[in-house]
Amino acid sequence: MSSDRLYFRQLLAGRDFAVGDPIARQMVNFAYVIGDTVTKEAVIVDPAYAVSDLVDVIRGEGMEVVGALATHYHADHVGGSLFGHQIAGITELLEIVDVPIHVQRDEEPWVARTTGVTSELVAHAPGDVVTVGEIAITCIHTPGHTPGSQCLLVEDCLVSGDTLFLEGCGRTDLPGSDPEEMYRTLTERLSVVSDQTVLFPGHLYAAEPSQPMGETRKWNYVLAPRTKDEWLAAFS
């Protein structure tokens, strides 16, 4: 169970923020806010689209934005050019608050190229812990969708970005993708996450916004192949 200090919010682009933005409504991205209810500090995971709305949500609940974390470099998660459309993201966030942007070290150059942000990036090794108040967020390196994709484990919640959805996983045919690394991520790197941990994905690609990892392991078709060769034949 989550502690009483944990502040955790899942916000859907186009509905909970960036209302009226047709790209946000089409992409159905989730942003997350993780914080400490005692110290009133919070970080935003994958701030994109109307980032000022996200800051307003946090400040409206009496909390302070002290950082951001990126699950990976794609523009719908950190801002940048998306299919010819300019998406707001960490660049615009830094115009509002001067905070560190936590990224996986293999993703740092990709985030820099996508957003133009450099000096504010804080690169992390696998297993590093980012703290917000007394809340610990463990960075799990999960390459496959991108070289430096990371999932974020906080108490009994796993924020998975585009690594793993309730149904399916992130694409492995994009720049920086690697099908074999995705297989290792799904079968090895995420094996440390318990069945009771609740999966919170980067997009609303299923009927529900979250579900326990045990249910995901039972029903998600990308976890059905028993060998790497079977997986690569189906999904590479």
C-alpha atoms as a PDB file:
ATOM      1  CA  MET A   1       0.000   0.000   0.000  1.00  0.00           C
ATOM      2  CA  SER A   2       1.104   3.552  -0.652  1.00  0.00           C
ATOM      3  CA  SER A   3       2.206   5.624   2.314  1.00  0.00           C
ATOM      4  CA  ASP A   4       0.162   8.515   3.636  1.00  0.00           C
ATOM      5  CA  ARG A   5       2.891  10.902   2.462  1.00  0.00           C
ATOM      6  CA  LEU A   6       2.715   9.895  -1.204  1.00  0.00           C
ATOM      7  CA  TYR A   7       0.982  12.357  -3.502  1.00  0.00           C
ATOM      8  CA  PHE A   8       0.288  10.673  -6.829  1.00  0.00           C
ATOM      9  CA  ARG A   9      -1.846  11.933  -9.705  1.00  0.00           C
ATOM     10  CA  GLN A  10      -2.451  10.585 -13.200  1.00  0.00           C
ATOM     11  CA  LEU A  11      -3.553  13.314 -15.618  1.00  0.00           C
ATOM     12  CA  LEU A  12      -4.823  12.728 -19.159  1.00  0.00           C
ATOM     13  CA  ALA A  13      -3.813  15.230 -21.857  1.00  0.00           C
ATOM     14  CA  GLY A  14      -6.814  16.691 -23.636  1.00  0.00           C
ATOM     15  CA  ARG A  15      -9.113  15.999 -20.693  1.00  0.00           C
ATOM     16  CA  ASP A  16      -7.419  16.926 -17.402  1.00  0.00           C
ATOM     17  CA  PHE A  17      -5.057  19.462 -18.956  1.00  0.00           C
ATOM     18  CA  ALA A  18      -4.448  20.875 -22.449  1.00  0.00           C
ATOM     19  CA  VAL A  19      -8.221  20.840 -22.848  1.00  0.00           C
ATOM     20  CA  GLY A  20      -9.202  21.714 -26.412  1.00  0.00           C
ATOM     21  CA  ASP A  21      -5.807  20.738 -27.876  1.00  0.00           C
ATOM     22  CA  PRO A  22      -6.647  18.359 -30.758  1.00  0.00           C
ATOM     23  CA  ILE A  23      -3.161  16.784 -30.787  1.00  0.00           C
ATOM     24  CA  ALA A  24      -3.331  16.123 -27.066  1.00  0.00           C
ATOM     25  CA  ARG A  25      -6.772  14.548 -27.460  1.00  0.00           C
ATOM     26  CA  GLN A  26      -5.518  12.370 -30.296  1.00  0.00           C
ATOM     27  CA  MET A  27      -2.333  11.226 -28.569  1.00  0.00           C
ATOM     28  CA  VAL A  28      -4.002  10.491 -25.171  1.00  0.00           C
ATOM     29  CA  ASN A  29      -0.798  10.953 -23.199  1.00  0.00           C
ATOM     30  CA  PHE A  30      -0.685  10.659 -19.449  1.00  0.00           C
ATOM     31  CA  ALA A  31       1.394  12.986 -17.302  1.00  0.00           C
ATOM     32  CA  TYR A  32       2.015  12.141 -13.666  1.00  0.00           C
ATOM     33  CA  VAL A  33       2.633  14.158 -10.538  1.00  0.00           C
ATOM     34  CA  ILE A  34       4.549  12.535  -7.681  1.00  0.00           C
ATOM     35  CA  GLY A  35       5.046  14.350  -4.439  1.00  0.00           C
ATOM     36  CA  ASP A  36       5.280  14.426  -0.669  1.00  0.00           C
ATOM     37  CA  THR A  37       2.161  15.626   1.139  1.00  0.00           C
ATOM     38  CA  VAL A  38       4.219  16.689   4.167  1.00  0.00           C
ATOM     39  CA  THR A  39       6.936  18.754   2.489  1.00  0.00           C
ATOM     40  CA  LYS A  40       4.520  19.863  -0.276  1.00  0.00           C
ATOM     41  CA  GLU A  41       7.134  19.183  -2.977  1.00  0.00           C
ATOM     42  CA  ALA A  42       6.271  17.516  -6.282  1.00  0.00           C
ATOM     43  CA  VAL A  43       7.814  16.442  -9.577  1.00  0.00           C
ATOM     44  CA  ILE A  44       6.112  16.077 -12.951  1.00  0.00           C
ATOM     45  CA  VAL A  45       6.668  12.982 -15.072  1.00  0.00           C
ATOM     46  CA  ASP A  46       6.571  13.598 -18.841  1.00  0.00           C
ATOM     47  CA  PRO A  47       5.369  17.219 -18.906  1.00  0.00           C
ATOM     48  CA  ALA A  48       4.078  17.965 -22.404  1.00  0.00           C
ATOM     49  CA  TYR A  49       1.352  19.986 -24.136  1.00  0.00           C
ATOM     50  CA  ALA A  50      -0.028  22.657 -21.756  1.00  0.00           C
ATOM     51  CA  VAL A  51       2.672  22.427 -19.106  1.00  0.00           C
ATOM     52  CA  SER A  52       1.382  25.589 -17.438  1.00  0.00           C
ATOM     53  CA  ASP A  53      -1.841  23.688 -16.712  1.00  0.00           C
ATOM     54  CA  LEU A  54       0.169  21.005 -14.913  1.00  0.00           C
ATOM     55  CA  VAL A  55       1.973  23.594 -12.824  1.00  0.00           C
ATOM     56  CA  ASP A  56      -1.366  25.226 -11.992  1.00  0.00           C
ATOM     57  CA  VAL A  57      -2.786  21.875 -10.841  1.00  0.00           C
ATOM     58  CA  ILE A  58       0.158  21.359  -8.498  1.00  0.00           C
ATOM     59  CA  ARG A  59       0.161  24.893  -7.148  1.00  0.00           C
ATOM     60  CA  GLY A  60      -3.619  24.775  -6.773  1.00  0.00           C
ATOM     61  CA  GLU A  61      -3.174  21.966  -4.279  1.00  0.00           C
ATOM     62  CA  GLY A  62      -0.651  23.925  -2.269  1.00  0.00           C
ATOM     63  CA  MET A  63       2.424  22.159  -3.590  1.00  0.00           C
ATOM     64  CA  GLU A  64       5.664  23.315  -5.227  1.00  0.00           C
ATOM     65  CA  VAL A  65       7.212  21.967  -8.424  1.00  0.00           C
ATOM     66  CA  VAL A  66      10.796  20.963  -7.643  1.00  0.00           C
ATOM     67  CA  GLY A  67      11.668  18.858 -10.683  1.00  0.00           C
ATOM     68  CA  ALA A  68      10.587  16.772 -13.648  1.00  0.00           C
ATOM     69  CA  LEU A  69      11.360  13.280 -14.892  1.00  0.00           C
ATOM     70  CA  ALA A  70      11.290  12.060 -18.478  1.00  0.00           C
ATOM     71  CA  THR A  71      10.516   8.456 -19.346  1.00  0.00           C
ATOM     72  CA  HIS A  72      12.001   8.963 -22.834  1.00  0.00           C
ATOM     73  CA  TYR A  73      12.815  11.554 -25.473  1.00  0.00           C
ATOM     74  CA  HIS A  74       9.753  11.540 -27.743  1.00  0.00           C
ATOM     75  CA  ALA A  75       8.108  14.906 -28.238  1.00  0.00           C
ATOM     76  CA  ASP A  76       4.733  13.859 -26.855  1.00  0.00           C
ATOM     77  CA  HIS A  77       6.490  13.230 -23.540  1.00  0.00           C
ATOM     78  CA  VAL A  78       9.067  16.045 -23.297  1.00  0.00           C
ATOM     79  CA  GLY A  79       8.082  18.493 -26.036  1.00  0.00           C
ATOM     80  CA  GLY A  80       9.464  19.190 -29.481  1.00  0.00           C
ATOM     81  CA  SER A  81       8.332  18.642 -33.053  1.00  0.00           C
ATOM     82  CA  LEU A  82       5.688  15.952 -33.551  1.00  0.00           C
ATOM     83  CA  PHE A  83       4.533  15.293 -37.130  1.00  0.00           C
ATOM     84  CA  GLY A  84       5.183  18.944 -37.945  1.00  0.00           C
ATOM     85  CA  HIS A  85       3.395  20.222 -34.848  1.00  0.00           C
ATOM     86  CA  GLN A  86       5.351  21.918 -32.075  1.00  0.00           C
ATOM     87  CA  ILE A  87       4.531  20.427 -28.689  1.00  0.00           C
ATOM     88  CA  ALA A  88       5.293  22.316 -25.484  1.00  0.00           C
ATOM     89  CA  GLY A  89       7.347  20.423 -22.923  1.00  0.00           C
ATOM     90  CA  ILE A  90      10.341  20.761 -20.657  1.00  0.00           C
ATOM     91  CA  THR A  91      11.589  23.890 -22.433  1.00  0.00           C
ATOM     92  CA  GLU A  92       8.361  25.689 -21.561  1.00  0.00           C
ATOM     93  CA  LEU A  93       8.359  24.209 -18.052  1.00  0.00           C
ATOM     94  CA  LEU A  94      11.785  25.725 -17.416  1.00  0.00           C
ATOM     95  CA  GLU A  95      10.395  29.124 -18.371  1.00  0.00           C
ATOM     96  CA  ILE A  96       8.001  28.792 -15.429  1.00  0.00           C
ATOM     97  CA  VAL A  97      10.181  27.054 -12.836  1.00  0.00           C
ATOM     98  CA  ASP A  98      13.957  26.562 -12.635  1.00  0.00           C
ATOM     99  CA  VAL A  99      14.162  22.865 -11.806  1.00  0.00           C
ATOM    100  CA  PRO A 100      16.266  19.817 -12.734  1.00  0.00           C
ATOM    101  CA  ILE A 101      15.026  17.464 -15.468  1.00  0.00           C
ATOM    102  CA  HIS A 102      15.898  13.874 -14.578  1.00  0.00           C
ATOM    103  CA  VAL A 103      16.642  11.531 -17.508  1.00  0.00           C
ATOM    104  CA  GLN A 104      18.314   8.167 -18.001  1.00  0.00           C
ATOM    105  CA  ARG A 105      21.938   8.724 -19.034  1.00  0.00           C
ATOM    106  CA  ASP A 106      21.551   6.922 -22.402  1.00  0.00           C
ATOM    107  CA  GLU A 107      18.618   9.181 -23.207  1.00  0.00           C
ATOM    108  CA  GLU A 108      20.341  12.457 -22.346  1.00  0.00           C
ATOM    109  CA  PRO A 109      21.634  13.271 -25.874  1.00  0.00           C
ATOM    110  CA  TRP A 110      18.278  12.321 -27.409  1.00  0.00           C
ATOM    111  CA  VAL A 111      16.352  14.582 -25.039  1.00  0.00           C
ATOM    112  CA  ALA A 112      18.813  17.401 -25.715  1.00  0.00           C
ATOM    113  CA  ARG A 113      18.389  17.070 -29.482  1.00  0.00           C
ATOM    114  CA  THR A 114      14.604  16.906 -29.252  1.00  0.00           C
ATOM    115  CA  THR A 115      14.107  19.824 -26.872  1.00  0.00           C
ATOM    116  CA  GLY A 116      17.266  21.937 -26.965  1.00  0.00           C
ATOM    117  CA  VAL A 117      17.532  21.616 -23.173  1.00  0.00           C
ATOM    118  CA  THR A 118      21.027  20.702 -21.979  1.00  0.00           C
ATOM    119  CA  SER A 119      22.355  22.213 -18.753  1.00  0.00           C
ATOM    120  CA  GLU A 120      19.232  21.423 -16.737  1.00  0.00           C
ATOM    121  CA  LEU A 121      19.358  17.707 -17.571  1.00  0.00           C
ATOM    122  CA  VAL A 122      20.428  15.378 -14.760  1.00  0.00           C
ATOM    123  CA  ALA A 123      21.542  11.993 -16.117  1.00  0.00           C
ATOM    124  CA  HIS A 124      20.923   8.860 -14.068  1.00  0.00           C
ATOM    125  CA  ALA A 125      22.346   5.356 -14.040  1.00  0.00           C
ATOM    126  CA  PRO A 126      20.092   2.297 -13.766  1.00  0.00           C
ATOM    127  CA  GLY A 127      18.812   1.930 -10.223  1.00  0.00           C
ATOM    128  CA  ASP A 128      19.375   5.542  -9.226  1.00  0.00           C
ATOM    129  CA  VAL A 129      16.858   7.004  -6.799  1.00  0.00           C
ATOM    130  CA  VAL A 130      15.338  10.462  -7.174  1.00  0.00           C
ATOM    131  CA  THR A 131      13.811  11.822  -3.983  1.00  0.00           C
ATOM    132  CA  VAL A 132      11.010  14.337  -3.650  1.00  0.00           C
ATOM    133  CA  GLY A 133      10.647  15.204  -0.010  1.00  0.00           C
ATOM    134  CA  GLU A 134      10.826  11.795   1.673  1.00  0.00           C
ATOM    135  CA  ILE A 135       9.368   9.940  -1.337  1.00  0.00           C
ATOM    136  CA  ALA A 136      11.829   7.731  -3.229  1.00  0.00           C
ATOM    137  CA  ILE A 137      11.478   7.193  -6.988  1.00  0.00           C
ATOM    138  CA  THR A 138      13.619   4.377  -8.378  1.00  0.00           C
ATOM    139  CA  CYS A 139      14.742   4.695 -12.002  1.00  0.00           C
ATOM    140  CA  ILE A 140      14.574   1.370 -13.868  1.00  0.00           C
ATOM    141  CA  HIS A 141      16.436   1.460 -17.195  1.00  0.00           C
ATOM    142  CA  THR A 142      14.120  -0.198 -19.727  1.00  0.00           C
ATOM    143  CA  PRO A 143      15.588   0.189 -23.244  1.00  0.00           C
ATOM    144  CA  GLY A 144      13.796  -1.101 -26.301  1.00  0.00           C
ATOM    145  CA  HIS A 145      11.402   1.643 -27.309  1.00  0.00           C
ATOM    146  CA  THR A 146      14.317   4.086 -27.025  1.00  0.00           C
ATOM    147  CA  PRO A 147      17.914   3.611 -25.789  1.00  0.00           C
ATOM    148  CA  GLY A 148      17.319   5.320 -22.483  1.00  0.00           C
ATOM    149  CA  SER A 149      13.681   4.623 -21.759  1.00  0.00           C
ATOM    150  CA  GLN A 150      13.076   4.376 -18.046  1.00  0.00           C
ATOM    151  CA  CYS A 151      10.246   3.219 -15.817  1.00  0.00           C
ATOM    152  CA  LEU A 152       9.758   4.874 -12.451  1.00  0.00           C
ATOM    153  CA  LEU A 153       8.930   2.804  -9.389  1.00  0.00           C
ATOM    154  CA  VAL A 154       7.448   4.672  -6.450  1.00  0.00           C
ATOM    155  CA  GLU A 155       6.087   2.549  -3.621  1.00  0.00           C
ATOM    156  CA  ASP A 156       3.404   0.322  -5.226  1.00  0.00           C
ATOM    157  CA  CYS A 157       3.165   2.292  -8.483  1.00  0.00           C
ATOM    158  CA  LEU A 158       5.127   1.793 -11.715  1.00  0.00           C
ATOM    159  CA  VAL A 159       5.055   4.665 -14.207  1.00  0.00           C
ATOM    160  CA  SER A 160       6.069   2.932 -17.428  1.00  0.00           C
ATOM    161  CA  GLY A 161       6.067   5.609 -20.126  1.00  0.00           C
ATOM    162  CA  ASP A 162       5.964   3.862 -23.503  1.00  0.00           C
ATOM    163  CA  THR A 163       7.843   0.776 -22.344  1.00  0.00           C
ATOM    164  CA  LEU A 164       4.779  -1.231 -21.349  1.00  0.00           C
ATOM    165  CA  PHE A 165       1.079  -0.572 -21.763  1.00  0.00           C
ATOM    166  CA  LEU A 166      -1.834  -2.483 -20.317  1.00  0.00           C
ATOM    167  CA  GLU A 167      -2.231  -3.854 -23.830  1.00  0.00           C
ATOM    168  CA  GLY A 168       0.961  -3.997 -25.909  1.00  0.00           C
ATOM    169  CA  CYS A 169       4.307  -2.269 -25.518  1.00  0.00           C
ATOM    170  CA  GLY A 170       6.198   0.598 -27.132  1.00  0.00           C
ATOM    171  CA  ARG A 171       7.093   0.430 -30.813  1.00  0.00           C
ATOM    172  CA  THR A 172      10.492  -0.988 -31.723  1.00  0.00           C
ATOM    173  CA  ASP A 173      10.736   0.350 -35.283  1.00  0.00           C
ATOM    174  CA  LEU A 174      11.603   3.970 -34.462  1.00  0.00           C
ATOM    175  CA  PRO A 175      14.988   5.741 -34.246  1.00  0.00           C
ATOM    176  CA  GLY A 176      16.856   4.312 -31.280  1.00  0.00           C
ATOM    177  CA  SER A 177      14.512   1.346 -30.892  1.00  0.00           C
ATOM    178  CA  ASP A 178      15.818  -2.191 -30.384  1.00  0.00           C
ATOM    179  CA  PRO A 179      13.497  -5.249 -30.418  1.00  0.00           C
ATOM    180  CA  GLU A 180      15.990  -7.491 -28.617  1.00  0.00           C
ATOM    181  CA  GLU A 181      16.458  -4.941 -25.850  1.00  0.00           C
ATOM    182  CA  MET A 182      12.682  -4.657 -25.533  1.00  0.00           C
ATOM    183  CA  TYR A 183      12.439  -8.414 -25.080  1.00  0.00           C
ATOM    184  CA  ARG A 184      15.084  -8.291 -22.336  1.00  0.00           C
ATOM    185  CA  THR A 185      13.288  -5.382 -20.712  1.00  0.00           C
ATOM    186  CA  LEU A 186       9.944  -7.169 -20.633  1.00  0.00           C
ATOM    187  CA  THR A 187      11.315 -10.515 -19.471  1.00  0.00           C
ATOM    188  CA  GLU A 188      14.265  -9.533 -17.279  1.00  0.00           C
ATOM    189  CA  ARG A 189      14.472  -5.874 -16.268  1.00  0.00           C
ATOM    190  CA  LEU A 190      10.817  -5.604 -15.249  1.00  0.00           C
ATOM    191  CA  SER A 191      10.831  -8.985 -13.519  1.00  0.00           C
ATOM    192  CA  VAL A 192      11.799  -7.186 -10.298  1.00  0.00           C
ATOM    193  CA  VAL A 193       8.388  -5.510 -10.230  1.00  0.00           C
ATOM    194  CA  SER A 194       5.842  -7.423  -8.153  1.00  0.00           C
ATOM    195  CA  ASP A 195       2.456  -8.572  -9.412  1.00  0.00           C
ATOM    196  CA  GLN A 196       0.817  -6.301  -6.828  1.00  0.00           C
ATOM    197  CA  THR A 197       2.480  -3.163  -8.207  1.00  0.00           C
ATOM    198  CA  VAL A 198       0.043  -1.070 -10.230  1.00  0.00           C
ATOM    199  CA  LEU A 199       1.069  -0.250 -13.810  1.00  0.00           C
ATOM    200  CA  PHE A 200       0.514   3.356 -14.905  1.00  0.00           C
ATOM    201  CA  PRO A 201       1.313   3.689 -18.647  1.00  0.00           C
ATOM    202  CA  GLY A 202       2.265   6.644 -20.813  1.00  0.00           C
ATOM    203  CA  HIS A 203      -0.907   6.530 -22.933  1.00  0.00           C
ATOM    204  CA  LEU A 204      -4.540   5.573 -22.519  1.00  0.00           C
ATOM    205  CA  TYR A 205      -4.416   2.651 -24.937  1.00  0.00           C
ATOM    206  CA  ALA A 206      -6.837   0.413 -23.039  1.00  0.00           C
ATOM    207  CA  ALA A 207     -10.260   0.659 -21.463  1.00  0.00           C
ATOM    208  CA  GLU A 208      -8.744   1.208 -18.023  1.00  0.00           C
ATOM    209  CA  PRO A 209      -6.053   3.760 -17.084  1.00  0.00           C
ATOM    210  CA  SER A 210      -4.097   1.371 -14.845  1.00  0.00           C
ATOM    211  CA  GLN A 211      -4.031  -2.186 -13.559  1.00  0.00           C
ATOM    212  CA  PRO A 212      -1.883  -4.491 -11.389  1.00  0.00           C
ATOM    213  CA  MET A 213       1.203  -5.957 -13.017  1.00  0.00           C
ATOM    214  CA  GLY A 214      -0.155  -9.425 -12.297  1.00  0.00           C
ATOM    215  CA  GLU A 215      -3.127  -8.758 -14.566  1.00  0.00           C
ATOM    216  CA  THR A 216      -0.854  -7.266 -17.215  1.00  0.00           C
ATOM    217  CA  ARG A 217       1.370 -10.324 -17.149  1.00  0.00           C
ATOM    218  CA  LYS A 218      -1.682 -12.553 -17.451  1.00  0.00           C
ATOM    219  CA  TRP A 219      -3.413 -10.805 -20.354  1.00  0.00           C
ATOM    220  CA  ASN A 220      -0.941  -8.621 -22.292  1.00  0.00           C
ATOM    221  CA  TYR A 221      -0.186 -10.346 -25.602  1.00  0.00           C
ATOM    222  CA  VAL A 222       3.405  -9.033 -25.777  1.00  0.00           C
ATOM    223  CA  LEU A 223       4.218 -11.092 -22.686  1.00  0.00           C
ATOM    224  CA  ALA A 224       2.839 -14.335 -24.145  1.00  0.00           C
ATOM    225  CA  PRO A 225       5.869 -15.559 -26.207  1.00  0.00           C
ATOM    226  CA  ARG A 226       7.991 -18.032 -24.254  1.00  0.00           C
ATOM    227  CA  THR A 227      11.319 -17.428 -26.031  1.00  0.00           C
ATOM    228  CA  LYS A 228      13.228 -14.551 -27.568  1.00  0.00           C
ATOM    229  CA  ASP A 229      12.891 -16.084 -31.038  1.00  0.00           C
ATOM    230  CA  GLU A 230       9.117 -16.313 -30.649  1.00  0.00           C
ATOM    231  CA  TRP A 231       8.972 -12.722 -29.463  1.00  0.00           C
ATOM    232  CA  LEU A 232      11.154 -11.375 -32.264  1.00  0.00           C
ATOM    233  CA  ALA A 233       9.179 -13.298 -34.883  1.00  0.00           C
ATOM    234  CA  ALA A 234       5.997 -11.648 -33.682  1.00  0.00           C
ATOM    235  CA  PHE A 235       7.083  -8.147 -32.729  1.00  0.00           C
ATOM    236  CA  SER A 236      10.454  -7.155 -34.244  1.00  0.00           C
END
